[in-house]
């Protein structure tokens, strides 16, 4: 059997009444403050116009306004006779990555294991930046130079990482 629901009459309000409600919400902290709402709307709109996605904008908001980065641990084992070349590459490769907009301004941590492997901890700007790096000619050229000077190691293959507290020589 079908029953007809009786809906309450539609609420109408003047512009002044709506403004009063907004002010009330502002004053008791229950609602989003108008200024904060407008700021969020403006940031979201400008981010979308700049090619951002709602997912990346949401991640940025959750991290206090900073984009969500991705911390990377890279282990470079120098090829025989290429130790100095590798060290020079490690010291200078962040500038091109930063210029390409792929890494954050967070300072990398660089250290050396007992077997001479250089370990670097740095922050990519995002997962999308990592994907972009694999197609970027500047980065691909940089990686060719690294491949000539070293092999890449998995962190679990580094002896120090077998200890609960790994210790390294700072560079």
N, C-alpha and C. Protein backbone atom coordinates (compact mmCIF):
# COMPACT_ATOMS: atom_id res chain seq x y z
N UNK A 1 0.84 -1.17 0.00
CA UNK A 1 0.00 0.00 0.00
C UNK A 1 0.88 1.24 0.00
N UNK A 2 0.58 2.15 -0.87
CA UNK A 2 1.37 3.36 -1.03
C UNK A 2 0.84 4.44 -0.09
N UNK A 3 1.78 5.06 0.63
CA UNK A 3 1.37 6.17 1.50
C UNK A 3 2.03 7.43 1.01
N UNK A 4 1.29 8.49 1.08
CA UNK A 4 1.84 9.79 0.68
C UNK A 4 2.42 10.46 1.91
N UNK A 5 3.70 10.78 1.80
CA UNK A 5 4.33 11.49 2.91
C UNK A 5 4.01 12.96 2.77
N UNK A 6 3.74 13.54 3.87
CA UNK A 6 3.50 14.97 3.87
C UNK A 6 4.81 15.64 4.24
N UNK A 7 5.32 16.43 3.32
CA UNK A 7 6.58 17.12 3.56
C UNK A 7 6.31 18.43 4.28
N UNK A 8 7.23 18.82 5.15
CA UNK A 8 7.04 20.10 5.83
C UNK A 8 7.13 21.23 4.82
N UNK A 9 6.50 22.32 5.13
CA UNK A 9 6.58 23.45 4.19
C UNK A 9 8.04 23.88 4.02
N UNK A 10 8.37 24.28 2.81
CA UNK A 10 9.74 24.70 2.50
C UNK A 10 10.08 25.97 3.25
N UNK A 11 11.25 25.95 3.84
CA UNK A 11 11.69 27.11 4.61
C UNK A 11 12.17 28.20 3.66
N UNK A 12 11.73 29.39 3.88
CA UNK A 12 12.20 30.52 3.09
C UNK A 12 12.91 31.48 4.03
N UNK A 13 13.87 32.16 3.49
CA UNK A 13 14.62 33.11 4.31
C UNK A 13 15.05 34.27 3.44
N UNK A 14 15.13 35.40 4.07
CA UNK A 14 15.65 36.56 3.35
C UNK A 14 17.16 36.52 3.38
N UNK A 15 17.79 37.33 2.56
CA UNK A 15 19.24 37.41 2.55
C UNK A 15 19.77 37.81 3.91
N UNK A 16 19.09 38.71 4.57
CA UNK A 16 19.51 39.15 5.90
C UNK A 16 19.48 38.02 6.91
N UNK A 17 18.44 37.16 6.83
CA UNK A 17 18.35 36.03 7.75
C UNK A 17 19.47 35.03 7.52
N UNK A 18 19.83 34.81 6.24
CA UNK A 18 20.93 33.90 5.92
C UNK A 18 22.23 34.45 6.48
N UNK A 19 22.46 35.75 6.32
CA UNK A 19 23.68 36.38 6.86
C UNK A 19 23.73 36.23 8.37
N UNK A 20 22.57 36.37 9.03
CA UNK A 20 22.52 36.21 10.48
C UNK A 20 22.90 34.78 10.88
N UNK A 21 22.42 33.79 10.12
CA UNK A 21 22.78 32.40 10.42
C UNK A 21 24.28 32.17 10.27
N UNK A 22 24.85 32.74 9.23
CA UNK A 22 26.29 32.59 9.01
C UNK A 22 27.05 33.21 10.18
N UNK A 23 26.60 34.38 10.61
CA UNK A 23 27.27 35.03 11.74
C UNK A 23 27.15 34.16 12.99
N UNK A 24 25.96 33.59 13.23
CA UNK A 24 25.77 32.73 14.40
C UNK A 24 26.71 31.53 14.32
N UNK A 25 26.80 30.91 13.13
CA UNK A 25 27.70 29.77 12.97
C UNK A 25 29.14 30.19 13.21
N UNK A 26 29.49 31.39 12.77
CA UNK A 26 30.85 31.89 13.00
C UNK A 26 31.11 32.06 14.48
N UNK A 27 30.13 32.60 15.20
CA UNK A 27 30.37 32.96 16.59
C UNK A 27 30.45 31.75 17.51
N UNK A 28 29.67 30.70 17.24
CA UNK A 28 29.71 29.57 18.17
C UNK A 28 30.64 28.45 17.71
N UNK A 29 31.28 28.59 16.57
CA UNK A 29 32.27 27.64 16.12
C UNK A 29 31.72 26.37 15.49
N UNK A 30 30.38 26.28 15.33
CA UNK A 30 29.82 25.05 14.76
C UNK A 30 30.00 24.99 13.25
N UNK A 31 29.96 26.09 12.61
CA UNK A 31 30.05 26.09 11.15
C UNK A 31 31.40 26.56 10.67
N UNK A 32 31.61 26.41 9.39
CA UNK A 32 32.85 26.85 8.79
C UNK A 32 32.80 28.36 8.66
N UNK A 33 33.79 29.02 9.14
CA UNK A 33 33.80 30.47 9.05
C UNK A 33 33.82 30.89 7.59
N UNK A 34 33.11 31.95 7.29
CA UNK A 34 32.96 32.41 5.91
C UNK A 34 34.31 32.63 5.25
N UNK A 35 35.22 33.28 5.94
CA UNK A 35 36.54 33.58 5.38
C UNK A 35 37.29 32.28 5.07
N UNK A 36 37.22 31.30 6.00
CA UNK A 36 37.89 30.02 5.80
C UNK A 36 37.26 29.27 4.63
N UNK A 37 35.93 29.30 4.56
CA UNK A 37 35.24 28.64 3.45
C UNK A 37 35.65 29.25 2.12
N UNK A 38 35.65 30.56 2.03
CA UNK A 38 36.03 31.23 0.79
C UNK A 38 37.49 30.94 0.42
N UNK A 39 38.35 30.90 1.42
CA UNK A 39 39.76 30.58 1.15
C UNK A 39 39.90 29.17 0.60
N UNK A 40 39.20 28.22 1.22
CA UNK A 40 39.26 26.84 0.74
C UNK A 40 38.71 26.72 -0.67
N UNK A 41 37.60 27.41 -0.90
CA UNK A 41 36.99 27.37 -2.23
C UNK A 41 37.93 27.95 -3.27
N UNK A 42 38.56 29.06 -2.94
CA UNK A 42 39.50 29.70 -3.86
C UNK A 42 40.70 28.80 -4.13
N UNK A 43 41.27 28.19 -3.08
CA UNK A 43 42.41 27.30 -3.25
C UNK A 43 42.05 26.08 -4.09
N UNK A 44 40.88 25.51 -3.82
CA UNK A 44 40.44 24.34 -4.58
C UNK A 44 40.24 24.69 -6.05
N UNK A 45 39.55 25.81 -6.29
CA UNK A 45 39.30 26.23 -7.66
C UNK A 45 40.59 26.54 -8.39
N UNK A 46 41.49 27.28 -7.76
CA UNK A 46 42.75 27.62 -8.42
C UNK A 46 43.60 26.39 -8.64
N UNK A 47 43.56 25.44 -7.68
CA UNK A 47 44.30 24.20 -7.84
C UNK A 47 43.77 23.37 -9.00
N UNK A 48 42.46 23.31 -9.14
CA UNK A 48 41.87 22.56 -10.25
C UNK A 48 42.16 23.23 -11.58
N UNK A 49 42.12 24.56 -11.60
CA UNK A 49 42.44 25.28 -12.84
C UNK A 49 43.90 25.09 -13.23
N UNK A 50 44.75 24.91 -12.23
CA UNK A 50 46.18 24.70 -12.50
C UNK A 50 46.49 23.25 -12.83
N UNK A 51 45.46 22.42 -12.94
CA UNK A 51 45.68 21.03 -13.34
C UNK A 51 45.75 20.05 -12.19
N UNK A 52 45.46 20.49 -10.98
CA UNK A 52 45.49 19.59 -9.84
C UNK A 52 44.27 18.70 -9.83
N UNK A 53 44.30 17.68 -9.01
CA UNK A 53 43.14 16.81 -8.85
C UNK A 53 42.60 17.01 -7.45
N UNK A 54 41.34 16.66 -7.26
CA UNK A 54 40.76 16.77 -5.92
C UNK A 54 41.51 15.90 -4.93
N UNK A 55 42.00 14.74 -5.37
CA UNK A 55 42.75 13.86 -4.49
C UNK A 55 44.03 14.52 -4.01
N UNK A 56 44.79 15.13 -4.92
CA UNK A 56 46.05 15.75 -4.50
C UNK A 56 45.78 16.99 -3.65
N UNK A 57 44.69 17.72 -3.96
CA UNK A 57 44.36 18.89 -3.15
C UNK A 57 43.93 18.46 -1.75
N UNK A 58 43.21 17.35 -1.66
CA UNK A 58 42.80 16.83 -0.36
C UNK A 58 44.01 16.41 0.45
N UNK A 59 44.97 15.75 -0.18
CA UNK A 59 46.18 15.32 0.52
C UNK A 59 46.95 16.54 1.00
N UNK A 60 46.98 17.59 0.19
CA UNK A 60 47.69 18.80 0.58
C UNK A 60 47.01 19.43 1.80
N UNK A 61 45.68 19.45 1.82
CA UNK A 61 44.97 20.04 2.95
C UNK A 61 45.22 19.23 4.22
N UNK A 62 45.24 17.90 4.11
CA UNK A 62 45.44 17.06 5.29
C UNK A 62 46.84 17.20 5.88
N UNK A 63 47.79 17.67 5.08
CA UNK A 63 49.16 17.78 5.57
C UNK A 63 49.49 19.21 5.98
N UNK A 64 48.47 19.99 6.32
CA UNK A 64 48.70 21.34 6.77
C UNK A 64 49.08 22.29 5.65
N UNK A 65 48.64 22.02 4.43
CA UNK A 65 48.91 22.91 3.32
C UNK A 65 50.09 22.49 2.47
N UNK A 66 50.93 21.60 2.99
CA UNK A 66 52.06 21.10 2.21
C UNK A 66 51.59 19.93 1.37
N UNK A 67 52.11 19.82 0.15
CA UNK A 67 51.76 18.63 -0.63
C UNK A 67 52.28 17.38 0.06
N UNK A 68 51.60 16.27 -0.16
CA UNK A 68 52.05 15.00 0.42
C UNK A 68 53.24 14.51 -0.37
N UNK A 69 54.38 14.43 0.25
CA UNK A 69 55.58 13.96 -0.41
C UNK A 69 55.74 12.46 -0.26
N UNK A 70 56.84 11.98 -0.78
CA UNK A 70 57.17 10.57 -0.66
C UNK A 70 58.65 10.48 -0.33
N UNK A 71 58.96 9.99 0.86
CA UNK A 71 60.35 9.87 1.29
C UNK A 71 60.96 8.66 0.58
N UNK A 72 62.14 8.85 0.04
CA UNK A 72 62.84 7.80 -0.69
C UNK A 72 64.20 7.54 -0.05
N UNK A 73 64.58 6.27 0.01
CA UNK A 73 65.90 5.88 0.47
C UNK A 73 66.61 5.27 -0.73
N UNK A 74 67.65 5.92 -1.19
CA UNK A 74 68.42 5.42 -2.34
C UNK A 74 69.79 4.97 -1.86
N UNK A 75 70.22 3.83 -2.36
CA UNK A 75 71.53 3.27 -1.98
C UNK A 75 72.37 3.11 -3.24
N UNK A 76 73.48 3.86 -3.29
CA UNK A 76 74.35 3.87 -4.46
C UNK A 76 75.68 3.19 -4.12
N UNK A 77 75.95 2.05 -4.73
CA UNK A 77 77.23 1.36 -4.50
C UNK A 77 78.18 1.79 -5.62
N UNK A 78 79.27 2.49 -5.28
CA UNK A 78 80.15 3.01 -6.34
C UNK A 78 80.82 1.89 -7.14
N UNK A 79 80.90 2.12 -8.44
CA UNK A 79 81.67 1.19 -9.28
C UNK A 79 83.15 1.43 -8.98
N UNK A 80 83.98 0.41 -9.09
CA UNK A 80 85.42 0.60 -8.80
C UNK A 80 86.01 1.77 -9.61
N UNK A 81 86.69 2.65 -8.88
CA UNK A 81 87.33 3.81 -9.51
C UNK A 81 86.40 4.99 -9.75
N UNK A 82 85.11 4.88 -9.36
CA UNK A 82 84.14 5.96 -9.61
C UNK A 82 83.62 6.59 -8.32
N UNK A 83 84.31 6.36 -7.21
CA UNK A 83 83.84 6.86 -5.91
C UNK A 83 83.70 8.38 -5.90
N UNK A 84 84.73 9.09 -6.38
CA UNK A 84 84.70 10.56 -6.37
C UNK A 84 83.62 11.09 -7.32
N UNK A 85 83.48 10.45 -8.47
CA UNK A 85 82.45 10.85 -9.45
C UNK A 85 81.04 10.69 -8.85
N UNK A 86 80.83 9.56 -8.17
CA UNK A 86 79.54 9.32 -7.54
C UNK A 86 79.25 10.34 -6.45
N UNK A 87 80.23 10.61 -5.63
CA UNK A 87 80.04 11.58 -4.56
C UNK A 87 79.68 12.95 -5.12
N UNK A 88 80.33 13.33 -6.22
CA UNK A 88 80.02 14.61 -6.87
C UNK A 88 78.59 14.62 -7.41
N UNK A 89 78.16 13.51 -8.02
CA UNK A 89 76.78 13.42 -8.52
C UNK A 89 75.77 13.55 -7.39
N UNK A 90 76.03 12.85 -6.29
CA UNK A 90 75.11 12.90 -5.15
C UNK A 90 75.05 14.30 -4.57
N UNK A 91 76.16 14.97 -4.51
CA UNK A 91 76.19 16.34 -3.96
C UNK A 91 75.44 17.34 -4.83
N UNK A 92 75.34 17.07 -6.13
CA UNK A 92 74.81 18.08 -7.05
C UNK A 92 73.51 17.72 -7.76
N UNK A 93 72.97 16.56 -7.53
CA UNK A 93 71.79 16.19 -8.31
C UNK A 93 70.46 16.71 -7.78
N UNK A 94 70.41 17.22 -6.58
CA UNK A 94 69.15 17.74 -6.06
C UNK A 94 68.72 19.03 -6.76
N UNK A 95 69.66 19.86 -7.14
CA UNK A 95 69.31 21.12 -7.80
C UNK A 95 68.52 20.89 -9.09
N UNK A 96 68.98 20.00 -9.99
CA UNK A 96 68.17 19.76 -11.19
C UNK A 96 66.80 19.15 -10.88
N UNK A 97 66.74 18.26 -9.90
CA UNK A 97 65.45 17.68 -9.53
C UNK A 97 64.51 18.75 -8.98
N UNK A 98 65.06 19.65 -8.19
CA UNK A 98 64.25 20.75 -7.62
C UNK A 98 63.82 21.71 -8.73
N UNK A 99 64.73 22.00 -9.66
CA UNK A 99 64.42 22.91 -10.77
C UNK A 99 63.31 22.33 -11.65
N UNK A 100 63.25 21.02 -11.74
CA UNK A 100 62.20 20.36 -12.53
C UNK A 100 60.90 20.23 -11.74
N UNK A 101 60.91 20.69 -10.48
CA UNK A 101 59.70 20.65 -9.65
C UNK A 101 59.32 19.25 -9.18
N UNK A 102 60.33 18.41 -8.94
CA UNK A 102 60.07 17.01 -8.61
C UNK A 102 60.31 16.66 -7.15
N UNK A 103 61.09 17.47 -6.43
CA UNK A 103 61.38 17.18 -5.03
C UNK A 103 61.03 18.39 -4.18
N UNK A 104 60.91 18.14 -2.89
CA UNK A 104 60.58 19.22 -1.96
C UNK A 104 61.87 19.96 -1.56
N UNK A 105 61.70 20.98 -0.74
CA UNK A 105 62.85 21.74 -0.24
C UNK A 105 63.50 21.09 0.98
N UNK A 106 62.95 19.97 1.42
CA UNK A 106 63.52 19.28 2.57
C UNK A 106 64.96 18.88 2.24
N UNK A 107 65.88 19.17 3.13
CA UNK A 107 67.29 18.85 2.91
C UNK A 107 67.49 17.33 2.93
N UNK A 108 68.22 16.80 1.95
CA UNK A 108 68.47 15.35 1.96
C UNK A 108 69.47 14.98 3.06
N UNK A 109 69.43 13.73 3.47
CA UNK A 109 70.41 13.20 4.41
C UNK A 109 71.26 12.22 3.62
N UNK A 110 72.56 12.44 3.62
CA UNK A 110 73.49 11.60 2.85
C UNK A 110 74.49 10.99 3.81
N UNK A 111 74.73 9.69 3.66
CA UNK A 111 75.64 8.98 4.57
C UNK A 111 76.34 7.86 3.82
N UNK A 112 77.38 7.30 4.44
CA UNK A 112 78.14 6.22 3.81
C UNK A 112 78.15 5.00 4.72
N UNK A 113 77.90 3.83 4.12
CA UNK A 113 77.98 2.56 4.83
C UNK A 113 79.44 2.12 4.87
N UNK A 114 79.73 1.14 5.71
CA UNK A 114 81.10 0.64 5.87
C UNK A 114 81.67 0.10 4.55
N UNK A 115 80.81 -0.45 3.67
CA UNK A 115 81.30 -0.99 2.40
C UNK A 115 81.44 0.07 1.31
N UNK A 116 81.22 1.36 1.66
CA UNK A 116 81.36 2.45 0.70
C UNK A 116 80.07 2.86 0.01
N UNK A 117 78.99 2.11 0.22
CA UNK A 117 77.71 2.47 -0.38
C UNK A 117 77.22 3.80 0.19
N UNK A 118 76.79 4.67 -0.69
CA UNK A 118 76.24 5.96 -0.26
C UNK A 118 74.73 5.82 -0.17
N UNK A 119 74.20 6.21 0.98
CA UNK A 119 72.75 6.16 1.21
C UNK A 119 72.26 7.59 1.27
N UNK A 120 71.17 7.81 0.55
CA UNK A 120 70.58 9.16 0.51
C UNK A 120 69.10 9.05 0.82
N UNK A 121 68.64 9.90 1.72
CA UNK A 121 67.22 9.98 2.06
C UNK A 121 66.75 11.36 1.63
N UNK A 122 65.75 11.37 0.75
CA UNK A 122 65.23 12.65 0.26
C UNK A 122 63.73 12.52 0.02
N UNK A 123 63.08 13.64 -0.30
CA UNK A 123 61.63 13.64 -0.45
C UNK A 123 61.20 14.09 -1.83
N UNK A 124 60.54 13.17 -2.54
CA UNK A 124 59.89 13.52 -3.80
C UNK A 124 58.69 14.40 -3.46
N UNK A 125 58.31 15.25 -4.37
CA UNK A 125 57.17 16.14 -4.15
C UNK A 125 55.87 15.34 -3.98
N UNK A 126 55.72 14.28 -4.77
CA UNK A 126 54.50 13.47 -4.73
C UNK A 126 54.74 12.18 -5.50
N UNK A 127 53.78 11.29 -5.43
CA UNK A 127 53.85 10.05 -6.23
C UNK A 127 53.83 10.41 -7.72
N UNK A 128 53.05 11.43 -8.07
CA UNK A 128 52.99 11.87 -9.47
C UNK A 128 54.34 12.39 -9.94
N UNK A 129 55.08 13.05 -9.06
CA UNK A 129 56.41 13.57 -9.43
C UNK A 129 57.36 12.42 -9.74
N UNK A 130 57.25 11.32 -9.01
CA UNK A 130 58.10 10.16 -9.26
C UNK A 130 57.80 9.62 -10.66
N UNK A 131 56.51 9.51 -10.99
CA UNK A 131 56.12 9.03 -12.31
C UNK A 131 56.63 9.97 -13.40
N UNK A 132 56.52 11.26 -13.16
CA UNK A 132 56.98 12.26 -14.13
C UNK A 132 58.49 12.15 -14.33
N UNK A 133 59.22 11.89 -13.26
CA UNK A 133 60.68 11.79 -13.35
C UNK A 133 61.11 10.71 -14.34
N UNK A 134 60.34 9.63 -14.43
CA UNK A 134 60.69 8.52 -15.31
C UNK A 134 60.52 8.86 -16.80
N UNK A 135 59.96 10.04 -17.08
CA UNK A 135 59.78 10.48 -18.47
C UNK A 135 60.53 11.79 -18.74
N UNK A 136 61.13 12.36 -17.72
CA UNK A 136 61.77 13.67 -17.83
C UNK A 136 63.19 13.54 -18.40
N UNK A 137 63.49 14.21 -19.54
CA UNK A 137 64.82 14.07 -20.16
C UNK A 137 65.97 14.51 -19.26
N UNK A 138 65.77 15.54 -18.45
CA UNK A 138 66.82 16.00 -17.54
C UNK A 138 67.13 14.91 -16.52
N UNK A 139 66.10 14.30 -15.97
CA UNK A 139 66.27 13.26 -14.96
C UNK A 139 66.86 12.00 -15.59
N UNK A 140 66.38 11.63 -16.76
CA UNK A 140 66.90 10.44 -17.43
C UNK A 140 68.39 10.59 -17.72
N UNK A 141 68.81 11.78 -18.12
CA UNK A 141 70.24 12.04 -18.34
C UNK A 141 71.03 11.93 -17.05
N UNK A 142 70.48 12.46 -15.98
CA UNK A 142 71.11 12.38 -14.66
C UNK A 142 71.24 10.91 -14.22
N UNK A 143 70.21 10.14 -14.43
CA UNK A 143 70.24 8.74 -14.04
C UNK A 143 71.26 7.94 -14.86
N UNK A 144 71.48 8.31 -16.12
CA UNK A 144 72.51 7.66 -16.93
C UNK A 144 73.89 7.88 -16.31
N UNK A 145 74.11 9.10 -15.83
CA UNK A 145 75.39 9.42 -15.17
C UNK A 145 75.56 8.59 -13.90
N UNK A 146 74.48 8.44 -13.14
CA UNK A 146 74.53 7.62 -11.93
C UNK A 146 74.85 6.17 -12.29
N UNK A 147 74.20 5.65 -13.32
CA UNK A 147 74.42 4.25 -13.70
C UNK A 147 75.86 4.00 -14.14
N UNK A 148 76.51 5.02 -14.69
CA UNK A 148 77.92 4.88 -15.07
C UNK A 148 78.83 4.85 -13.85
N UNK A 149 78.38 5.50 -12.75
CA UNK A 149 79.22 5.63 -11.56
C UNK A 149 78.88 4.64 -10.45
N UNK A 150 77.70 3.99 -10.52
CA UNK A 150 77.30 3.12 -9.41
C UNK A 150 76.31 2.06 -9.86
N UNK A 151 76.06 1.16 -8.94
CA UNK A 151 74.93 0.24 -9.06
C UNK A 151 73.99 0.59 -7.91
N UNK A 152 72.74 0.26 -8.07
CA UNK A 152 71.76 0.56 -7.03
C UNK A 152 71.60 -0.67 -6.14
N UNK A 153 71.58 -0.44 -4.86
CA UNK A 153 71.42 -1.51 -3.87
C UNK A 153 70.06 -1.39 -3.20
N UNK A 154 69.51 -2.50 -2.79
CA UNK A 154 68.31 -2.53 -1.97
C UNK A 154 68.74 -2.28 -0.53
N UNK A 155 68.06 -1.41 0.20
CA UNK A 155 68.48 -1.14 1.58
C UNK A 155 68.67 -2.39 2.43
N UNK A 156 67.85 -3.40 2.23
CA UNK A 156 67.98 -4.61 3.06
C UNK A 156 69.29 -5.36 2.79
N UNK A 157 69.98 -5.05 1.69
CA UNK A 157 71.27 -5.68 1.39
C UNK A 157 72.45 -4.96 2.06
N UNK A 158 72.18 -3.82 2.67
CA UNK A 158 73.23 -3.06 3.35
C UNK A 158 73.36 -3.61 4.77
N UNK A 159 74.58 -3.99 5.13
CA UNK A 159 74.83 -4.64 6.43
C UNK A 159 74.26 -3.85 7.60
N UNK A 160 74.46 -2.56 7.60
CA UNK A 160 74.02 -1.72 8.73
C UNK A 160 72.51 -1.80 8.94
N UNK A 161 71.76 -1.97 7.87
CA UNK A 161 70.30 -2.04 8.00
C UNK A 161 69.83 -3.34 8.64
N UNK A 162 70.75 -4.28 8.89
CA UNK A 162 70.38 -5.52 9.57
C UNK A 162 70.29 -5.31 11.08
N UNK A 163 70.85 -4.19 11.56
CA UNK A 163 70.81 -3.86 12.98
C UNK A 163 69.54 -3.07 13.28
N UNK A 164 69.09 -3.18 14.52
CA UNK A 164 67.90 -2.43 14.91
C UNK A 164 68.13 -0.92 14.74
N UNK A 165 69.32 -0.46 15.10
CA UNK A 165 69.67 0.94 14.95
C UNK A 165 70.89 1.01 14.04
N UNK A 166 70.65 1.37 12.79
CA UNK A 166 71.74 1.43 11.81
C UNK A 166 72.52 2.73 11.99
N UNK A 167 73.83 2.63 11.92
CA UNK A 167 74.71 3.80 12.05
C UNK A 167 75.58 3.91 10.82
N UNK A 168 75.76 5.16 10.35
CA UNK A 168 76.50 5.43 9.13
C UNK A 168 77.43 6.62 9.33
N UNK A 169 78.40 6.72 8.42
CA UNK A 169 79.28 7.88 8.38
C UNK A 169 78.53 9.02 7.68
N UNK A 170 78.39 10.17 8.33
CA UNK A 170 77.71 11.28 7.65
C UNK A 170 78.55 11.85 6.51
N UNK A 171 77.92 12.27 5.46
CA UNK A 171 78.62 12.92 4.34
C UNK A 171 78.11 14.35 4.24
